[in-house]
Structures are given as structure tokens and as C-alpha cells.
């Protein structure tokens, strides 16, 4: 069995940033973290968690992450991501939240769009939209400032180009997701099974 998910970055629009992925139900949440990291182009350099928390101040009843010494600080007991499968959770629920980077606090809304009755060993990204924000850009506010700077070509654009490792004439496009990105993501996802 394979789950089809739409995973969308919360509070990002014009354009929205989302990916549609198909993931085998036997994948652990540790594997699912890798799928999301690859699909969005994150560097997996920060802490992450899966939760049913609706917003930053809501209480959670589910928390799936890599166990750590700080687990007692959360509302729900931490389930080890390497021991919980997608089927364990999505057999009875249709959504979950993935939070990446507790500083920038990127909230990803995960929605089950469908279930495919096929046997598959690998995950695939089938579609997407929007360029993922750069790591450590300051969360939604920093991302919006970066987009505005490139749109208006203001005085900050030069420092953004340097920070992103871009050439002086290069521009950054928030709409940049394309078929080349999709091929790259799927090549990386195929390597997960090796």
C-alpha cells in the first residue's frame, strides 16, 4: 500500500510551496523525514518532529521524532521515529504536521490525498510548486523579506546573492520548481533504498 500525500509549507503563499509525494506505508517516520527533506531540498541540518499540533501554542497528543534528552518538555510522549510506520498513524488519520528547524520553525501540513493499492519499495515525488526557502533565512518573515528584495531589487539583494552563493547578475525565483527539480528529487529518493 502507498500513501499519496500533499505536503505544504504553512504561511507561505504567492507562490505556495508544496510537494506531492507517494510513500510506501511500511516506511518509518525516520524514512518519511528523509523523503520530506529530499522533496523540499532541505539539508536535514536541524531538529524535526511530526505532531498533531495545530499551531505553535496547541497541545499535542502525538509526537514522533528522534528520541532526545528534552522529550519530557513536550505535551505528548515521544515515539521513536525509527519504530513507527506510516501505516501505524495514517491508518486512522488523514493529516499530521511536520516541523523542521525549531529556530526558523518551518511548519509542513501533511494531508493524505489517497491510498494506492500497490506494492512499492521506493517513494516518489510526482508534483510540486514553489521554491523551498533557503535554510536559516529567518523563518516565514525572513523568507518574505528575501522574496521582496529580489522582486524590488532593493539594496539588500547584493548581500542575499552573496549569502546564497549566487553571481551578481543571477536572480532568485520563488516559482523555480520545475521538471528538472522533480527528476533530481526522484533520483535521490531512489537512492534511499540502497
N, C-alpha and C. Protein backbone atom coordinates (compact mmCIF):
# COMPACT_ATOMS: atom_id res chain seq x y z
N UNK A 1 0.85 -1.18 0.00
CA UNK A 1 0.00 0.00 0.00
C UNK A 1 0.89 1.24 0.00
N UNK A 2 0.46 2.27 -0.73
CA UNK A 2 1.22 3.51 -0.87
C UNK A 2 0.30 4.69 -0.55
N UNK A 3 0.79 5.60 0.29
CA UNK A 3 0.04 6.81 0.60
C UNK A 3 0.45 7.92 -0.35
N UNK A 4 -0.54 8.65 -0.85
CA UNK A 4 -0.28 9.86 -1.61
C UNK A 4 -0.53 11.04 -0.67
N UNK A 5 0.51 11.83 -0.47
CA UNK A 5 0.44 12.99 0.42
C UNK A 5 0.64 14.29 -0.34
N UNK A 6 -0.04 15.33 0.09
CA UNK A 6 0.30 16.68 -0.31
C UNK A 6 0.89 17.32 0.94
N UNK A 7 2.12 17.81 0.80
CA UNK A 7 2.83 18.42 1.92
C UNK A 7 3.08 19.87 1.57
N UNK A 8 2.53 20.76 2.38
CA UNK A 8 2.56 22.20 2.07
C UNK A 8 3.19 22.97 3.23
N UNK A 9 4.06 23.92 2.87
CA UNK A 9 4.62 24.81 3.89
C UNK A 9 3.55 25.79 4.32
N UNK A 10 3.31 25.84 5.62
CA UNK A 10 2.27 26.73 6.17
C UNK A 10 2.75 28.18 6.15
N UNK A 11 1.82 29.09 5.91
CA UNK A 11 2.05 30.53 5.93
C UNK A 11 2.92 31.05 4.79
N UNK A 12 3.10 30.25 3.74
CA UNK A 12 3.84 30.68 2.55
C UNK A 12 2.85 30.73 1.39
N UNK A 13 2.81 31.86 0.70
CA UNK A 13 1.93 31.97 -0.46
C UNK A 13 2.61 32.87 -1.50
N UNK A 14 2.00 32.94 -2.64
CA UNK A 14 2.46 33.80 -3.74
C UNK A 14 3.93 33.58 -4.08
N UNK A 15 4.35 32.43 -4.50
CA UNK A 15 3.56 31.22 -4.67
C UNK A 15 3.58 30.35 -3.41
N UNK A 16 2.61 29.45 -3.29
CA UNK A 16 2.69 28.47 -2.21
C UNK A 16 3.84 27.51 -2.49
N UNK A 17 4.35 26.87 -1.45
CA UNK A 17 5.42 25.88 -1.61
C UNK A 17 4.86 24.55 -1.12
N UNK A 18 4.74 23.59 -2.06
CA UNK A 18 4.21 22.28 -1.70
C UNK A 18 4.80 21.20 -2.61
N UNK A 19 4.70 19.97 -2.11
CA UNK A 19 5.13 18.80 -2.88
C UNK A 19 4.10 17.69 -2.71
N UNK A 20 3.88 16.95 -3.78
CA UNK A 20 3.02 15.77 -3.72
C UNK A 20 3.95 14.55 -3.80
N UNK A 21 3.85 13.68 -2.81
CA UNK A 21 4.72 12.52 -2.75
C UNK A 21 3.89 11.25 -2.55
N UNK A 22 4.42 10.16 -3.06
CA UNK A 22 3.82 8.85 -2.86
C UNK A 22 4.84 8.03 -2.07
N UNK A 23 4.39 7.53 -0.89
CA UNK A 23 5.31 6.88 0.03
C UNK A 23 4.73 5.54 0.49
N UNK A 24 5.51 4.46 0.39
CA UNK A 24 5.03 3.15 0.85
C UNK A 24 4.63 3.20 2.33
N UNK A 25 3.56 2.51 2.66
CA UNK A 25 3.01 2.54 4.02
C UNK A 25 3.93 1.89 5.05
N UNK A 26 4.87 1.06 4.60
CA UNK A 26 5.79 0.42 5.55
C UNK A 26 6.95 1.32 5.96
N UNK A 27 7.10 2.49 5.32
CA UNK A 27 8.18 3.41 5.67
C UNK A 27 8.00 3.87 7.12
N UNK A 28 9.10 3.97 7.84
CA UNK A 28 9.07 4.54 9.19
C UNK A 28 9.01 6.07 9.08
N UNK A 29 8.70 6.71 10.17
CA UNK A 29 8.70 8.17 10.16
C UNK A 29 10.13 8.72 10.04
N UNK A 30 11.13 7.94 10.43
CA UNK A 30 12.52 8.32 10.20
C UNK A 30 12.76 8.40 8.69
N UNK A 31 12.24 7.40 7.94
CA UNK A 31 12.35 7.41 6.48
C UNK A 31 11.52 8.55 5.88
N UNK A 32 10.34 8.78 6.44
CA UNK A 32 9.45 9.84 5.94
C UNK A 32 10.11 11.20 6.09
N UNK A 33 10.85 11.41 7.18
CA UNK A 33 11.63 12.65 7.34
C UNK A 33 12.59 12.80 6.17
N UNK A 34 13.28 11.74 5.79
CA UNK A 34 14.22 11.80 4.67
C UNK A 34 13.49 12.15 3.37
N UNK A 35 12.32 11.56 3.16
CA UNK A 35 11.53 11.84 1.96
C UNK A 35 11.19 13.34 1.90
N UNK A 36 10.71 13.88 3.01
CA UNK A 36 10.35 15.31 3.04
C UNK A 36 11.57 16.17 2.83
N UNK A 37 12.68 15.84 3.48
CA UNK A 37 13.91 16.61 3.31
C UNK A 37 14.33 16.66 1.84
N UNK A 38 14.30 15.50 1.17
CA UNK A 38 14.69 15.45 -0.24
C UNK A 38 13.69 16.18 -1.14
N UNK A 39 12.40 16.00 -0.88
CA UNK A 39 11.37 16.62 -1.71
C UNK A 39 11.42 18.14 -1.64
N UNK A 40 11.76 18.67 -0.47
CA UNK A 40 11.81 20.12 -0.32
C UNK A 40 13.20 20.70 -0.52
N UNK A 41 14.21 19.84 -0.58
CA UNK A 41 15.57 20.35 -0.76
C UNK A 41 16.16 20.90 0.53
N UNK A 42 15.61 20.50 1.67
CA UNK A 42 16.21 20.88 2.95
C UNK A 42 17.52 20.12 3.12
N UNK A 43 18.36 20.56 4.04
CA UNK A 43 19.67 19.94 4.24
C UNK A 43 19.71 18.99 5.44
N UNK A 44 18.60 18.80 6.12
CA UNK A 44 18.50 17.93 7.29
C UNK A 44 19.54 18.31 8.35
N UNK A 45 19.71 19.62 8.53
CA UNK A 45 20.72 20.14 9.46
C UNK A 45 20.12 20.58 10.79
N UNK A 46 18.82 20.38 10.96
CA UNK A 46 18.14 20.85 12.17
C UNK A 46 17.23 19.76 12.74
N UNK A 47 16.75 19.99 13.95
CA UNK A 47 15.82 19.07 14.58
C UNK A 47 14.48 19.10 13.85
N UNK A 48 13.72 18.02 14.01
CA UNK A 48 12.41 17.91 13.36
C UNK A 48 11.50 17.05 14.22
N UNK A 49 10.20 17.18 13.98
CA UNK A 49 9.21 16.36 14.68
C UNK A 49 7.94 16.26 13.85
N UNK A 50 7.23 15.17 14.04
CA UNK A 50 5.88 15.01 13.50
C UNK A 50 4.94 15.14 14.68
N UNK A 51 3.86 15.87 14.51
CA UNK A 51 2.94 16.10 15.61
C UNK A 51 1.55 16.37 15.07
N UNK A 52 0.57 16.29 15.95
CA UNK A 52 -0.78 16.68 15.57
C UNK A 52 -1.10 18.08 16.05
N UNK A 53 -0.09 18.79 16.48
CA UNK A 53 -0.28 20.17 16.94
C UNK A 53 -0.82 21.03 15.79
N UNK A 54 -1.83 21.82 16.06
CA UNK A 54 -2.46 22.64 15.03
C UNK A 54 -1.74 23.98 14.87
N UNK A 55 -1.19 24.50 15.95
CA UNK A 55 -0.40 25.72 15.84
C UNK A 55 0.70 25.70 16.91
N UNK A 56 1.48 26.71 16.94
CA UNK A 56 2.63 26.72 17.83
C UNK A 56 2.23 26.62 19.30
N UNK A 57 1.03 27.00 19.66
CA UNK A 57 0.61 27.01 21.06
C UNK A 57 -0.36 25.89 21.41
N UNK A 58 -0.74 25.07 20.42
CA UNK A 58 -1.70 23.99 20.67
C UNK A 58 -1.06 22.83 21.41
N UNK A 59 -1.90 22.06 22.06
CA UNK A 59 -1.40 20.86 22.76
C UNK A 59 -1.34 19.71 21.76
N UNK A 60 -0.39 18.85 21.97
CA UNK A 60 -0.21 17.71 21.07
C UNK A 60 -0.53 16.41 21.79
N UNK A 61 -1.06 15.46 21.03
CA UNK A 61 -1.30 14.13 21.58
C UNK A 61 -0.38 13.11 20.92
N UNK A 62 0.20 13.49 19.79
CA UNK A 62 1.16 12.64 19.08
C UNK A 62 2.43 13.44 18.87
N UNK A 63 3.55 12.81 19.15
CA UNK A 63 4.86 13.40 18.84
C UNK A 63 5.76 12.26 18.41
N UNK A 64 6.24 12.35 17.17
CA UNK A 64 7.12 11.33 16.61
C UNK A 64 8.40 12.03 16.19
N UNK A 65 9.53 11.59 16.75
CA UNK A 65 10.81 12.24 16.47
C UNK A 65 11.94 11.28 16.83
N UNK A 66 13.16 11.75 16.67
CA UNK A 66 14.30 11.01 17.19
C UNK A 66 14.35 11.28 18.69
N UNK A 67 14.36 10.26 19.51
CA UNK A 67 14.37 10.49 20.96
C UNK A 67 15.56 11.34 21.40
N UNK A 68 15.32 12.20 22.39
CA UNK A 68 16.39 13.05 22.93
C UNK A 68 16.16 13.29 24.41
N UNK A 69 17.12 13.91 25.03
CA UNK A 69 17.03 14.20 26.47
C UNK A 69 15.97 15.25 26.79
N UNK A 70 15.45 15.94 25.79
CA UNK A 70 14.47 17.01 26.01
C UNK A 70 13.02 16.54 25.84
N UNK A 71 12.82 15.27 25.61
CA UNK A 71 11.48 14.75 25.32
C UNK A 71 10.46 15.04 26.42
N UNK A 72 10.89 15.12 27.66
CA UNK A 72 9.95 15.36 28.76
C UNK A 72 9.34 16.76 28.73
N UNK A 73 9.90 17.65 27.91
CA UNK A 73 9.40 19.02 27.82
C UNK A 73 8.16 19.15 26.92
N UNK A 74 7.77 18.07 26.25
CA UNK A 74 6.65 18.12 25.32
C UNK A 74 5.38 17.56 25.95
N UNK A 75 4.23 17.96 25.38
CA UNK A 75 2.93 17.51 25.89
C UNK A 75 2.76 16.00 25.79
N UNK A 76 3.14 15.46 24.66
CA UNK A 76 2.94 14.03 24.40
C UNK A 76 4.26 13.28 24.53
N UNK A 77 4.21 12.02 24.93
CA UNK A 77 5.44 11.24 24.95
C UNK A 77 5.98 11.10 23.53
N UNK A 78 7.30 11.05 23.41
CA UNK A 78 7.92 10.95 22.10
C UNK A 78 7.97 9.50 21.65
N UNK A 79 7.40 9.24 20.48
CA UNK A 79 7.50 7.93 19.85
C UNK A 79 8.74 7.94 18.96
N UNK A 80 9.54 6.90 19.02
CA UNK A 80 10.76 6.80 18.23
C UNK A 80 10.41 6.70 16.75
N UNK A 81 10.85 7.68 15.97
CA UNK A 81 10.53 7.75 14.54
C UNK A 81 10.99 6.53 13.76
N UNK A 82 12.02 5.87 14.23
CA UNK A 82 12.52 4.69 13.51
C UNK A 82 11.66 3.45 13.76
N UNK A 83 10.74 3.54 14.75
CA UNK A 83 9.93 2.37 15.12
C UNK A 83 8.44 2.52 14.79
N UNK A 84 8.04 3.67 14.29
CA UNK A 84 6.63 3.92 13.96
C UNK A 84 6.51 4.02 12.44
N UNK A 85 5.59 3.24 11.85
CA UNK A 85 5.41 3.27 10.40
C UNK A 85 4.28 4.23 10.02
N UNK A 86 4.25 4.58 8.76
CA UNK A 86 3.16 5.42 8.26
C UNK A 86 1.82 4.74 8.45
N UNK A 87 1.77 3.44 8.23
CA UNK A 87 0.53 2.69 8.42
C UNK A 87 0.04 2.78 9.86
N UNK A 88 0.96 2.78 10.82
CA UNK A 88 0.58 2.89 12.24
C UNK A 88 -0.23 4.16 12.52
N UNK A 89 0.10 5.24 11.83
CA UNK A 89 -0.53 6.54 12.10
C UNK A 89 -1.61 6.87 11.07
N UNK A 90 -1.29 6.72 9.79
CA UNK A 90 -2.22 7.15 8.75
C UNK A 90 -3.29 6.10 8.45
N UNK A 91 -3.26 4.98 9.16
CA UNK A 91 -4.36 4.04 9.05
C UNK A 91 -5.63 4.61 9.65
N UNK A 92 -5.48 5.56 10.59
CA UNK A 92 -6.65 6.12 11.27
C UNK A 92 -6.75 7.64 11.19
N UNK A 93 -5.81 8.29 10.58
CA UNK A 93 -5.89 9.76 10.48
C UNK A 93 -5.52 10.23 9.08
N UNK A 94 -5.96 11.43 8.74
CA UNK A 94 -5.76 11.95 7.38
C UNK A 94 -4.79 13.13 7.32
N UNK A 95 -4.29 13.57 8.47
CA UNK A 95 -3.36 14.70 8.44
C UNK A 95 -2.42 14.65 9.63
N UNK A 96 -1.33 15.35 9.50
CA UNK A 96 -0.32 15.47 10.54
C UNK A 96 0.52 16.70 10.21
N UNK A 97 1.28 17.16 11.16
CA UNK A 97 2.16 18.30 10.95
C UNK A 97 3.60 17.85 11.12
N UNK A 98 4.47 18.36 10.25
CA UNK A 98 5.91 18.12 10.34
C UNK A 98 6.55 19.47 10.58
N UNK A 99 7.33 19.59 11.64
CA UNK A 99 8.04 20.84 11.92
C UNK A 99 9.52 20.58 11.73
N UNK A 100 10.14 21.43 10.93
CA UNK A 100 11.57 21.34 10.67
C UNK A 100 12.24 22.63 11.10
N UNK A 101 13.35 22.52 11.81
CA UNK A 101 14.15 23.64 12.28
C UNK A 101 13.38 24.44 13.33
N UNK A 102 13.64 24.13 14.58
CA UNK A 102 12.89 24.75 15.68
C UNK A 102 13.23 26.23 15.85
N UNK A 103 14.22 26.74 15.13
CA UNK A 103 14.52 28.17 15.11
C UNK A 103 13.67 28.88 14.07
N UNK A 104 13.83 28.50 12.81
CA UNK A 104 13.02 29.08 11.73
C UNK A 104 11.58 28.58 11.78
N UNK A 105 11.37 27.43 12.34
CA UNK A 105 10.06 26.83 12.60
C UNK A 105 9.22 26.68 11.32
N UNK A 106 9.73 25.85 10.41
CA UNK A 106 9.01 25.57 9.17
C UNK A 106 7.94 24.52 9.44
N UNK A 107 6.69 24.92 9.34
CA UNK A 107 5.56 24.02 9.58
C UNK A 107 5.07 23.48 8.24
N UNK A 108 5.07 22.17 8.12
CA UNK A 108 4.60 21.49 6.91
C UNK A 108 3.29 20.80 7.24
N UNK A 109 2.25 21.13 6.50
CA UNK A 109 0.96 20.45 6.67
C UNK A 109 0.96 19.21 5.77
N UNK A 110 0.73 18.05 6.35
CA UNK A 110 0.72 16.78 5.61
C UNK A 110 -0.73 16.30 5.53
N UNK A 111 -1.22 16.15 4.30
CA UNK A 111 -2.59 15.69 4.07
C UNK A 111 -2.53 14.40 3.24
N UNK A 112 -3.25 13.37 3.69
CA UNK A 112 -3.38 12.15 2.90
C UNK A 112 -4.41 12.44 1.81
N UNK A 113 -3.98 12.38 0.55
CA UNK A 113 -4.89 12.62 -0.57
C UNK A 113 -5.47 11.32 -1.11
N UNK A 114 -4.77 10.23 -0.89
CA UNK A 114 -5.27 8.96 -1.40
C UNK A 114 -4.40 7.80 -0.97
N UNK A 115 -4.92 6.61 -1.22
CA UNK A 115 -4.18 5.38 -0.92
C UNK A 115 -4.16 4.57 -2.21
N UNK A 116 -2.97 4.19 -2.62
CA UNK A 116 -2.79 3.39 -3.83
C UNK A 116 -2.54 1.95 -3.41
N UNK A 117 -3.32 1.05 -3.93
CA UNK A 117 -3.18 -0.36 -3.58
C UNK A 117 -2.15 -1.01 -4.49
N UNK A 118 -0.90 -0.67 -4.25
CA UNK A 118 0.20 -1.27 -4.98
C UNK A 118 1.35 -1.52 -4.03
N UNK A 119 2.21 -2.42 -4.42
CA UNK A 119 3.37 -2.77 -3.61
C UNK A 119 4.57 -2.05 -4.21
N UNK A 120 5.19 -1.18 -3.43
CA UNK A 120 6.30 -0.39 -3.93
C UNK A 120 7.35 -0.27 -2.84
N UNK A 121 8.61 -0.26 -3.24
CA UNK A 121 9.70 -0.18 -2.26
C UNK A 121 10.28 1.22 -2.12
N UNK A 122 9.92 2.13 -3.03
CA UNK A 122 10.51 3.47 -3.01
C UNK A 122 9.43 4.55 -3.02
N UNK A 123 9.82 5.72 -2.56
CA UNK A 123 8.95 6.89 -2.59
C UNK A 123 9.21 7.68 -3.87
N UNK A 124 8.19 8.44 -4.31
CA UNK A 124 8.34 9.30 -5.48
C UNK A 124 7.69 10.64 -5.20
N UNK A 125 8.26 11.67 -5.79
CA UNK A 125 7.64 12.99 -5.79
C UNK A 125 7.02 13.15 -7.17
N UNK A 126 5.72 13.39 -7.22
CA UNK A 126 5.03 13.44 -8.51
C UNK A 126 4.76 14.86 -8.99
N UNK A 127 4.81 15.82 -8.07
CA UNK A 127 4.43 17.18 -8.45
C UNK A 127 4.88 18.13 -7.34
N UNK A 128 4.97 19.40 -7.69
CA UNK A 128 5.30 20.40 -6.67
C UNK A 128 5.15 21.80 -7.21
N UNK A 129 5.26 22.73 -6.31
CA UNK A 129 5.18 24.13 -6.70
C UNK A 129 5.97 24.97 -5.71
N UNK A 130 6.62 25.98 -6.20
CA UNK A 130 7.33 26.93 -5.37
C UNK A 130 8.71 26.46 -4.95
N UNK A 131 9.62 27.42 -4.83
CA UNK A 131 10.98 27.16 -4.39
C UNK A 131 11.02 27.11 -2.87
N UNK A 132 11.65 26.09 -2.33
CA UNK A 132 11.78 25.98 -0.88
C UNK A 132 12.63 27.13 -0.35
N UNK A 133 12.24 27.70 0.76
CA UNK A 133 13.06 28.77 1.36
C UNK A 133 14.47 28.27 1.67
N UNK A 134 15.47 29.14 1.57
CA UNK A 134 16.82 28.73 1.95
C UNK A 134 16.90 28.42 3.44
N UNK A 135 17.75 27.47 3.80
CA UNK A 135 17.98 27.16 5.21
C UNK A 135 18.44 28.43 5.95
N UNK A 136 17.99 28.54 7.18
CA UNK A 136 18.43 29.60 8.10
C UNK A 136 18.15 31.02 7.59
N UNK A 137 17.08 31.18 6.83
CA UNK A 137 16.76 32.52 6.31
C UNK A 137 15.92 33.34 7.28
N UNK A 138 15.54 32.75 8.42
CA UNK A 138 14.78 33.52 9.40
C UNK A 138 13.30 33.21 9.42
N UNK A 139 12.92 32.03 8.98
CA UNK A 139 11.52 31.64 9.00
C UNK A 139 10.70 32.37 7.95
N UNK A 140 9.39 32.37 8.16
CA UNK A 140 8.48 32.96 7.17
C UNK A 140 8.81 34.43 6.93
N UNK A 141 9.06 35.19 8.00
CA UNK A 141 9.37 36.61 7.86
C UNK A 141 10.64 36.85 7.05
N UNK A 142 11.68 36.08 7.32
CA UNK A 142 12.93 36.21 6.57
C UNK A 142 12.77 35.81 5.12
N UNK A 143 11.96 34.77 4.89
CA UNK A 143 11.70 34.33 3.52
C UNK A 143 10.95 35.40 2.74
N UNK A 144 9.95 36.00 3.37
CA UNK A 144 9.20 37.07 2.69
C UNK A 144 10.11 38.27 2.38
N UNK A 145 11.03 38.59 3.30
CA UNK A 145 11.98 39.69 3.06
C UNK A 145 12.90 39.36 1.89
N UNK A 146 13.35 38.12 1.81
CA UNK A 146 14.20 37.70 0.69
C UNK A 146 13.45 37.81 -0.63
N UNK A 147 12.20 37.32 -0.66
CA UNK A 147 11.39 37.40 -1.89
C UNK A 147 11.20 38.86 -2.31
N UNK A 148 10.85 39.71 -1.36
CA UNK A 148 10.63 41.13 -1.65
C UNK A 148 11.90 41.78 -2.18
N UNK A 149 13.03 41.44 -1.58
CA UNK A 149 14.30 42.02 -2.01
C UNK A 149 14.60 41.70 -3.47
N UNK A 150 14.37 40.44 -3.87
CA UNK A 150 14.62 40.06 -5.26
C UNK A 150 13.56 40.65 -6.20
N UNK A 151 12.32 40.79 -5.74
CA UNK A 151 11.26 41.36 -6.58
C UNK A 151 11.52 42.84 -6.85
N UNK A 152 11.99 43.56 -5.85
CA UNK A 152 12.17 45.01 -5.98
C UNK A 152 13.60 45.40 -6.30
N UNK A 153 14.52 44.42 -6.25
CA UNK A 153 15.94 44.68 -6.48
C UNK A 153 16.45 45.79 -5.55
N UNK A 154 16.11 45.68 -4.29
CA UNK A 154 16.49 46.71 -3.32
C UNK A 154 17.96 46.58 -2.91
N UNK A 155 18.37 47.40 -1.96
CA UNK A 155 19.77 47.46 -1.56
C UNK A 155 20.27 46.17 -0.88
N UNK A 156 19.36 45.35 -0.38
CA UNK A 156 19.75 44.11 0.30
C UNK A 156 20.01 42.96 -0.67
N UNK A 157 19.61 43.10 -1.92
CA UNK A 157 19.69 41.98 -2.85
C UNK A 157 21.13 41.51 -3.05
N UNK A 158 22.10 42.42 -3.01
CA UNK A 158 23.50 42.04 -3.18
C UNK A 158 23.96 41.13 -2.04
N UNK A 159 23.59 41.47 -0.81
CA UNK A 159 24.00 40.62 0.32
C UNK A 159 23.27 39.27 0.28
N UNK A 160 22.02 39.26 -0.17
CA UNK A 160 21.31 37.98 -0.34
C UNK A 160 22.01 37.11 -1.38
N UNK A 161 22.43 37.73 -2.49
CA UNK A 161 23.13 36.96 -3.53
C UNK A 161 24.41 36.35 -2.97
N UNK A 162 25.17 37.13 -2.22
CA UNK A 162 26.41 36.62 -1.62
C UNK A 162 26.10 35.47 -0.68
N UNK A 163 25.10 35.64 0.18
CA UNK A 163 24.73 34.64 1.16
C UNK A 163 24.30 33.34 0.48
N UNK A 164 23.58 33.44 -0.63
CA UNK A 164 23.10 32.27 -1.36
C UNK A 164 24.13 31.70 -2.34
N UNK A 165 25.30 32.37 -2.46
CA UNK A 165 26.35 31.89 -3.36
C UNK A 165 26.01 32.11 -4.82
N UNK A 166 25.31 33.20 -5.11
CA UNK A 166 24.88 33.49 -6.47
C UNK A 166 25.82 34.50 -7.13
N UNK A 167 25.81 34.53 -8.45
CA UNK A 167 26.57 35.53 -9.20
C UNK A 167 25.83 36.87 -9.16
N UNK A 168 26.55 37.95 -9.46
CA UNK A 168 25.97 39.29 -9.39
C UNK A 168 24.75 39.49 -10.28
N UNK A 169 24.70 38.82 -11.41
CA UNK A 169 23.58 39.01 -12.33
C UNK A 169 22.48 37.95 -12.15
N UNK A 170 22.73 37.01 -11.26
CA UNK A 170 21.77 35.93 -11.04
C UNK A 170 20.58 36.42 -10.20
N UNK A 171 19.44 35.85 -10.48
CA UNK A 171 18.26 36.20 -9.69
C UNK A 171 17.71 34.94 -9.03
N UNK A 172 16.96 35.13 -7.98
CA UNK A 172 16.35 34.02 -7.25
C UNK A 172 14.86 34.03 -7.56
N UNK A 173 14.32 32.87 -7.93
CA UNK A 173 12.94 32.78 -8.38
C UNK A 173 12.11 31.93 -7.43
N UNK A 174 11.13 32.52 -6.72
CA UNK A 174 10.29 31.74 -5.82
C UNK A 174 9.39 30.73 -6.55
N UNK A 175 9.25 30.89 -7.87
CA UNK A 175 8.45 29.97 -8.69
C UNK A 175 9.30 28.89 -9.33
N UNK A 176 10.55 28.74 -8.90
CA UNK A 176 11.55 27.96 -9.62
C UNK A 176 11.38 26.46 -9.68
N UNK A 177 10.39 25.86 -9.05
CA UNK A 177 10.25 24.41 -9.10
C UNK A 177 9.85 23.96 -10.50
N UNK A 178 10.60 22.96 -11.06
CA UNK A 178 10.30 22.51 -12.42
C UNK A 178 10.60 21.02 -12.59
N UNK A 179 10.47 20.54 -13.81
CA UNK A 179 10.65 19.10 -14.08
C UNK A 179 12.08 18.64 -13.80
N UNK A 180 13.06 19.52 -13.96
CA UNK A 180 14.44 19.18 -13.63
C UNK A 180 14.58 18.92 -12.13
N UNK A 181 13.93 19.75 -11.32
CA UNK A 181 13.93 19.55 -9.87
C UNK A 181 13.28 18.21 -9.52
N UNK A 182 12.19 17.91 -10.19
CA UNK A 182 11.46 16.67 -9.95
C UNK A 182 12.35 15.45 -10.26
N UNK A 183 13.07 15.50 -11.36
CA UNK A 183 13.99 14.40 -11.71
C UNK A 183 15.08 14.24 -10.66
N UNK A 184 15.63 15.35 -10.21
CA UNK A 184 16.68 15.31 -9.18
C UNK A 184 16.15 14.70 -7.88
N UNK A 185 14.98 15.16 -7.45
CA UNK A 185 14.37 14.63 -6.21
C UNK A 185 14.15 13.13 -6.33
N UNK A 186 13.59 12.70 -7.45
CA UNK A 186 13.28 11.27 -7.60
C UNK A 186 14.54 10.41 -7.72
N UNK A 187 15.60 10.95 -8.29
CA UNK A 187 16.88 10.22 -8.32
C UNK A 187 17.39 10.03 -6.89
N UNK A 188 17.28 11.08 -6.08
CA UNK A 188 17.72 11.00 -4.68
C UNK A 188 16.83 10.04 -3.88
N UNK A 189 15.53 10.06 -4.14
CA UNK A 189 14.62 9.15 -3.44
C UNK A 189 14.91 7.69 -3.81
N UNK A 190 15.27 7.43 -5.06
CA UNK A 190 15.62 6.07 -5.47
C UNK A 190 16.83 5.56 -4.71
N UNK A 191 17.77 6.44 -4.40
CA UNK A 191 18.98 6.04 -3.68
C UNK A 191 18.69 5.69 -2.21
N UNK A 192 17.53 6.08 -1.70
CA UNK A 192 17.19 5.75 -0.31
C UNK A 192 17.12 4.25 -0.08
N UNK A 193 16.75 3.49 -1.09
CA UNK A 193 16.59 2.04 -0.91
C UNK A 193 17.90 1.31 -0.95
N UNK A 194 18.97 1.97 -1.36
CA UNK A 194 20.29 1.31 -1.47
C UNK A 194 21.02 1.30 -0.16
